[in-house]
Amino acid sequence: MKKEPSTLDQVTGRSSEKRVMPDTLPPPSPQDLAKQELSNQLMEELSNYLAQQKDMSEYAALVSRMQGKNLFANASNQGYRILALSNAALQKLPAREREMLTDASGVHAGYQMKFFIHHTCPEPNNAYSGYAYRALAGQNLNFTNDSVGMPDLKRKVAYQKEAQVGTKLQVYRLTGPLFY
């Protein structure tokens, strides 16, 4: 039995021709652009709010360095709880970590983003009792009336609900860091 010449392999159904990979990524869709714009807008609102607070200037600077990172990409479907640290709470960090967080050179941008996503958690638009909160980094968060804990790291700190920023962000002022 003679094999017929074909571009499809009869066994796998795949083409035997070599695929050519595109040189560039496809342009973002209008929906992707709208999500990115909303994310950038929320980061700017958060940064402005924190900058206006008397003792949140260092965390405001951290948030402003996160702009353009598209960290609130799912904001059309959910809100976010921001677990912000006051300047005094940031002083509780070890000196090396505090220095990395306040460095504006960009050398420690990875650590700064990691710190931010450990202190931010998504919240559904219609939250229900028993909803399990997780930081953007994936760790479980347990909220009580006056504290939040990260059981994976065995850390728990007090908070006070600060404000609703826009329609999607709730800011909680922590008395210390959950992650460093």
C-alpha atoms as a PDB file:
ATOM      1  CA  MET A   1       0.000   0.000   0.000  1.00  0.00           C
ATOM      2  CA  LYS A   2       1.470   3.280  -1.115  1.00  0.00           C
ATOM      3  CA  LYS A   3       1.194   6.351   1.164  1.00  0.00           C
ATOM      4  CA  GLU A   4      -0.527   9.269  -0.514  1.00  0.00           C
ATOM      5  CA  PRO A   5       1.273  12.597  -0.342  1.00  0.00           C
ATOM      6  CA  SER A   6      -0.599  14.862   2.056  1.00  0.00           C
ATOM      7  CA  THR A   7       0.048  17.806   4.304  1.00  0.00           C
ATOM      8  CA  LEU A   8      -1.903  16.104   7.100  1.00  0.00           C
ATOM      9  CA  ASP A   9      -0.531  13.154   8.971  1.00  0.00           C
ATOM     10  CA  GLN A  10      -3.225  10.462   8.794  1.00  0.00           C
ATOM     11  CA  VAL A  11      -2.533   9.184  12.319  1.00  0.00           C
ATOM     12  CA  THR A  12      -2.409  12.435  14.271  1.00  0.00           C
ATOM     13  CA  GLY A  13      -4.380  14.658  11.929  1.00  0.00           C
ATOM     14  CA  ARG A  14      -1.704  17.350  12.253  1.00  0.00           C
ATOM     15  CA  SER A  15      -0.001  19.180   9.477  1.00  0.00           C
ATOM     16  CA  SER A  16       3.477  17.999   8.650  1.00  0.00           C
ATOM     17  CA  GLU A  17       4.429  21.488   7.474  1.00  0.00           C
ATOM     18  CA  LYS A  18       6.630  23.570   9.718  1.00  0.00           C
ATOM     19  CA  ARG A  19       4.727  26.297  11.543  1.00  0.00           C
ATOM     20  CA  VAL A  20       5.939  29.851  11.415  1.00  0.00           C
ATOM     21  CA  MET A  21       5.640  31.840  14.606  1.00  0.00           C
ATOM     22  CA  PRO A  22       4.481  35.447  14.310  1.00  0.00           C
ATOM     23  CA  ASP A  23       7.048  38.190  14.867  1.00  0.00           C
ATOM     24  CA  THR A  24       4.732  40.331  16.997  1.00  0.00           C
ATOM     25  CA  LEU A  25       1.850  39.834  19.369  1.00  0.00           C
ATOM     26  CA  PRO A  26      -1.630  40.590  18.105  1.00  0.00           C
ATOM     27  CA  PRO A  27      -2.951  44.017  19.085  1.00  0.00           C
ATOM     28  CA  PRO A  28      -5.001  44.079  22.298  1.00  0.00           C
ATOM     29  CA  SER A  29      -8.753  43.851  21.902  1.00  0.00           C
ATOM     30  CA  PRO A  30     -11.003  46.787  22.859  1.00  0.00           C
ATOM     31  CA  GLN A  31     -12.075  44.814  25.958  1.00  0.00           C
ATOM     32  CA  ASP A  32      -8.438  44.345  27.003  1.00  0.00           C
ATOM     33  CA  LEU A  33      -7.766  48.050  26.530  1.00  0.00           C
ATOM     34  CA  ALA A  34     -10.836  48.947  28.620  1.00  0.00           C
ATOM     35  CA  LYS A  35      -9.696  46.607  31.436  1.00  0.00           C
ATOM     36  CA  GLN A  36      -6.211  48.093  31.387  1.00  0.00           C
ATOM     37  CA  GLU A  37      -7.603  51.638  31.447  1.00  0.00           C
ATOM     38  CA  LEU A  38      -9.828  50.793  34.442  1.00  0.00           C
ATOM     39  CA  SER A  39      -6.877  49.197  36.261  1.00  0.00           C
ATOM     40  CA  ASN A  40      -4.711  52.274  35.656  1.00  0.00           C
ATOM     41  CA  GLN A  41      -7.532  54.572  36.781  1.00  0.00           C
ATOM     42  CA  LEU A  42      -7.989  52.614  40.033  1.00  0.00           C
ATOM     43  CA  MET A  43      -4.250  52.685  40.776  1.00  0.00           C
ATOM     44  CA  GLU A  44      -4.213  56.440  40.220  1.00  0.00           C
ATOM     45  CA  GLU A  45      -7.252  56.957  42.487  1.00  0.00           C
ATOM     46  CA  LEU A  46      -5.630  54.833  45.194  1.00  0.00           C
ATOM     47  CA  SER A  47      -2.309  56.636  44.906  1.00  0.00           C
ATOM     48  CA  ASN A  48      -4.017  60.045  45.107  1.00  0.00           C
ATOM     49  CA  TYR A  49      -6.099  59.005  48.126  1.00  0.00           C
ATOM     50  CA  LEU A  50      -3.091  57.652  50.029  1.00  0.00           C
ATOM     51  CA  ALA A  51      -0.980  60.717  49.168  1.00  0.00           C
ATOM     52  CA  GLN A  52      -3.657  62.952  50.734  1.00  0.00           C
ATOM     53  CA  GLN A  53      -3.498  61.046  54.022  1.00  0.00           C
ATOM     54  CA  LYS A  54      -1.145  62.521  56.591  1.00  0.00           C
ATOM     55  CA  ASP A  55       0.763  59.347  57.470  1.00  0.00           C
ATOM     56  CA  MET A  56       0.459  57.184  54.345  1.00  0.00           C
ATOM     57  CA  SER A  57       3.007  58.919  52.077  1.00  0.00           C
ATOM     58  CA  GLU A  58       5.431  55.969  51.873  1.00  0.00           C
ATOM     59  CA  TYR A  59       2.699  53.502  50.892  1.00  0.00           C
ATOM     60  CA  ALA A  60       1.359  56.081  48.405  1.00  0.00           C
ATOM     61  CA  ALA A  61       4.808  56.211  46.799  1.00  0.00           C
ATOM     62  CA  LEU A  62       4.849  52.400  46.598  1.00  0.00           C
ATOM     63  CA  VAL A  63       1.416  52.382  44.924  1.00  0.00           C
ATOM     64  CA  SER A  64       2.463  55.062  42.445  1.00  0.00           C
ATOM     65  CA  ARG A  65       5.396  52.845  41.389  1.00  0.00           C
ATOM     66  CA  MET A  66       2.891  50.026  40.685  1.00  0.00           C
ATOM     67  CA  GLN A  67       0.961  52.114  38.146  1.00  0.00           C
ATOM     68  CA  GLY A  68       0.860  50.595  34.689  1.00  0.00           C
ATOM     69  CA  LYS A  69       1.318  47.036  36.017  1.00  0.00           C
ATOM     70  CA  ASN A  70      -2.342  46.100  35.368  1.00  0.00           C
ATOM     71  CA  LEU A  71      -2.753  44.630  38.875  1.00  0.00           C
ATOM     72  CA  PHE A  72      -6.484  45.369  38.960  1.00  0.00           C
ATOM     73  CA  ALA A  73      -7.160  43.670  35.621  1.00  0.00           C
ATOM     74  CA  ASN A  74     -10.368  42.028  36.840  1.00  0.00           C
ATOM     75  CA  ALA A  75     -11.880  45.214  38.285  1.00  0.00           C
ATOM     76  CA  SER A  76     -14.872  45.021  35.949  1.00  0.00           C
ATOM     77  CA  ASN A  77     -15.997  41.896  37.866  1.00  0.00           C
ATOM     78  CA  GLN A  78     -14.809  42.597  41.407  1.00  0.00           C
ATOM     79  CA  GLY A  79     -13.537  45.128  43.888  1.00  0.00           C
ATOM     80  CA  TYR A  80     -10.357  45.031  45.937  1.00  0.00           C
ATOM     81  CA  ARG A  81      -9.405  45.384  49.595  1.00  0.00           C
ATOM     82  CA  ILE A  82      -6.190  47.325  49.964  1.00  0.00           C
ATOM     83  CA  LEU A  83      -4.363  46.542  53.207  1.00  0.00           C
ATOM     84  CA  ALA A  84      -2.363  49.768  53.380  1.00  0.00           C
ATOM     85  CA  LEU A  85       0.372  50.436  55.898  1.00  0.00           C
ATOM     86  CA  SER A  86       0.904  53.774  57.572  1.00  0.00           C
ATOM     87  CA  ASN A  87       4.403  55.239  57.734  1.00  0.00           C
ATOM     88  CA  ALA A  88       4.616  54.064  61.369  1.00  0.00           C
ATOM     89  CA  ALA A  89       3.579  50.517  60.397  1.00  0.00           C
ATOM     90  CA  LEU A  90       6.254  50.429  57.688  1.00  0.00           C
ATOM     91  CA  GLN A  91       8.843  51.299  60.360  1.00  0.00           C
ATOM     92  CA  LYS A  92       8.131  47.864  61.893  1.00  0.00           C
ATOM     93  CA  LEU A  93       9.729  46.204  58.873  1.00  0.00           C
ATOM     94  CA  PRO A  94      13.353  45.088  59.112  1.00  0.00           C
ATOM     95  CA  ALA A  95      15.699  47.806  57.791  1.00  0.00           C
ATOM     96  CA  ARG A  96      16.658  45.897  54.629  1.00  0.00           C
ATOM     97  CA  GLU A  97      13.022  45.287  53.590  1.00  0.00           C
ATOM     98  CA  ARG A  98      12.030  48.872  54.398  1.00  0.00           C
ATOM     99  CA  GLU A  99      14.912  50.119  52.257  1.00  0.00           C
ATOM    100  CA  MET A 100      13.832  47.896  49.343  1.00  0.00           C
ATOM    101  CA  LEU A 101      10.233  49.153  49.605  1.00  0.00           C
ATOM    102  CA  THR A 102      11.187  52.807  49.586  1.00  0.00           C
ATOM    103  CA  ASP A 103      13.789  52.533  46.811  1.00  0.00           C
ATOM    104  CA  ALA A 104      12.547  54.461  43.764  1.00  0.00           C
ATOM    105  CA  SER A 105      15.356  53.367  41.424  1.00  0.00           C
ATOM    106  CA  GLY A 106      13.473  50.325  40.132  1.00  0.00           C
ATOM    107  CA  VAL A 107      16.143  47.874  41.297  1.00  0.00           C
ATOM    108  CA  HIS A 108      13.733  46.357  43.827  1.00  0.00           C
ATOM    109  CA  ALA A 109      10.554  46.595  41.722  1.00  0.00           C
ATOM    110  CA  GLY A 110       9.974  42.836  41.997  1.00  0.00           C
ATOM    111  CA  TYR A 111      10.012  42.911  45.796  1.00  0.00           C
ATOM    112  CA  GLN A 112       7.784  45.999  45.825  1.00  0.00           C
ATOM    113  CA  MET A 113       5.206  44.283  43.620  1.00  0.00           C
ATOM    114  CA  LYS A 114       5.373  41.133  45.747  1.00  0.00           C
ATOM    115  CA  PHE A 115       4.777  43.206  48.896  1.00  0.00           C
ATOM    116  CA  PHE A 116       1.836  45.013  47.272  1.00  0.00           C
ATOM    117  CA  ILE A 117       0.096  41.834  46.055  1.00  0.00           C
ATOM    118  CA  HIS A 118       0.462  40.288  49.526  1.00  0.00           C
ATOM    119  CA  HIS A 119      -1.418  43.316  50.916  1.00  0.00           C
ATOM    120  CA  THR A 120      -4.237  43.383  48.331  1.00  0.00           C
ATOM    121  CA  CYS A 121      -7.124  40.961  47.991  1.00  0.00           C
ATOM    122  CA  PRO A 122      -9.995  40.688  45.514  1.00  0.00           C
ATOM    123  CA  GLU A 123     -13.541  41.023  46.731  1.00  0.00           C
ATOM    124  CA  PRO A 124     -16.558  40.020  44.630  1.00  0.00           C
ATOM    125  CA  ASN A 125     -19.011  42.751  43.680  1.00  0.00           C
ATOM    126  CA  ASN A 126     -21.670  40.886  45.662  1.00  0.00           C
ATOM    127  CA  ALA A 127     -19.767  39.510  48.645  1.00  0.00           C
ATOM    128  CA  TYR A 128     -21.510  36.794  50.642  1.00  0.00           C
ATOM    129  CA  SER A 129     -20.956  35.537  54.163  1.00  0.00           C
ATOM    130  CA  GLY A 130     -18.333  32.849  54.312  1.00  0.00           C
ATOM    131  CA  TYR A 131     -16.437  34.191  51.304  1.00  0.00           C
ATOM    132  CA  ALA A 132     -12.814  33.081  51.634  1.00  0.00           C
ATOM    133  CA  TYR A 133     -10.465  35.990  51.048  1.00  0.00           C
ATOM    134  CA  ARG A 134      -7.122  35.437  49.373  1.00  0.00           C
ATOM    135  CA  ALA A 135      -4.386  37.942  48.701  1.00  0.00           C
ATOM    136  CA  LEU A 136      -3.515  38.511  45.049  1.00  0.00           C
ATOM    137  CA  ALA A 137      -0.402  36.475  45.866  1.00  0.00           C
ATOM    138  CA  GLY A 138      -2.597  33.487  46.795  1.00  0.00           C
ATOM    139  CA  GLN A 139      -2.346  33.374  50.605  1.00  0.00           C
ATOM    140  CA  ASN A 140      -5.517  32.944  52.647  1.00  0.00           C
ATOM    141  CA  LEU A 141      -6.630  35.964  54.668  1.00  0.00           C
ATOM    142  CA  ASN A 142      -8.866  35.732  57.728  1.00  0.00           C
ATOM    143  CA  PHE A 143     -10.749  38.920  58.614  1.00  0.00           C
ATOM    144  CA  THR A 144     -12.326  39.566  62.014  1.00  0.00           C
ATOM    145  CA  ASN A 145     -13.997  42.768  63.200  1.00  0.00           C
ATOM    146  CA  ASP A 146     -10.674  44.380  64.038  1.00  0.00           C
ATOM    147  CA  SER A 147      -7.843  42.262  62.627  1.00  0.00           C
ATOM    148  CA  VAL A 148      -6.655  40.386  59.579  1.00  0.00           C
ATOM    149  CA  GLY A 149      -4.481  37.312  59.656  1.00  0.00           C
ATOM    150  CA  MET A 150      -2.410  35.412  57.140  1.00  0.00           C
ATOM    151  CA  PRO A 151      -2.427  31.871  58.595  1.00  0.00           C
ATOM    152  CA  ASP A 152       0.131  30.557  56.080  1.00  0.00           C
ATOM    153  CA  LEU A 153       2.714  32.956  57.519  1.00  0.00           C
ATOM    154  CA  LYS A 154       1.305  32.915  61.078  1.00  0.00           C
ATOM    155  CA  ARG A 155       0.864  36.685  61.111  1.00  0.00           C
ATOM    156  CA  LYS A 156      -2.053  38.713  62.396  1.00  0.00           C
ATOM    157  CA  VAL A 157      -2.361  42.501  62.652  1.00  0.00           C
ATOM    158  CA  ALA A 158      -5.046  44.936  63.711  1.00  0.00           C
ATOM    159  CA  TYR A 159      -6.719  47.187  61.162  1.00  0.00           C
ATOM    160  CA  GLN A 160      -9.264  49.917  60.930  1.00  0.00           C
ATOM    161  CA  LYS A 161     -11.422  50.379  57.877  1.00  0.00           C
ATOM    162  CA  GLU A 162     -10.236  53.610  56.379  1.00  0.00           C
ATOM    163  CA  ALA A 163     -12.351  54.486  53.362  1.00  0.00           C
ATOM    164  CA  GLN A 164     -14.050  53.462  50.167  1.00  0.00           C
ATOM    165  CA  VAL A 165     -12.020  54.843  47.251  1.00  0.00           C
ATOM    166  CA  GLY A 166     -14.182  55.056  44.165  1.00  0.00           C
ATOM    167  CA  THR A 167     -16.559  52.156  43.687  1.00  0.00           C
ATOM    168  CA  LYS A 168     -14.033  49.313  43.581  1.00  0.00           C
ATOM    169  CA  LEU A 169     -11.458  49.882  46.328  1.00  0.00           C
ATOM    170  CA  GLN A 170     -11.757  49.578  50.099  1.00  0.00           C
ATOM    171  CA  VAL A 171      -8.746  50.759  52.057  1.00  0.00           C
ATOM    172  CA  TYR A 172      -7.886  49.179  55.412  1.00  0.00           C
ATOM    173  CA  ARG A 173      -5.153  50.776  57.537  1.00  0.00           C
ATOM    174  CA  LEU A 174      -2.934  48.067  59.072  1.00  0.00           C
ATOM    175  CA  THR A 175      -0.913  48.461  62.253  1.00  0.00           C
ATOM    176  CA  GLY A 176       1.895  46.319  60.836  1.00  0.00           C
ATOM    177  CA  PRO A 177       2.905  44.282  57.788  1.00  0.00           C
ATOM    178  CA  LEU A 178       1.446  40.859  57.009  1.00  0.00           C
ATOM    179  CA  PHE A 179       4.304  39.963  54.687  1.00  0.00           C
ATOM    180  CA  TYR A 180       7.943  40.985  54.301  1.00  0.00           C
END
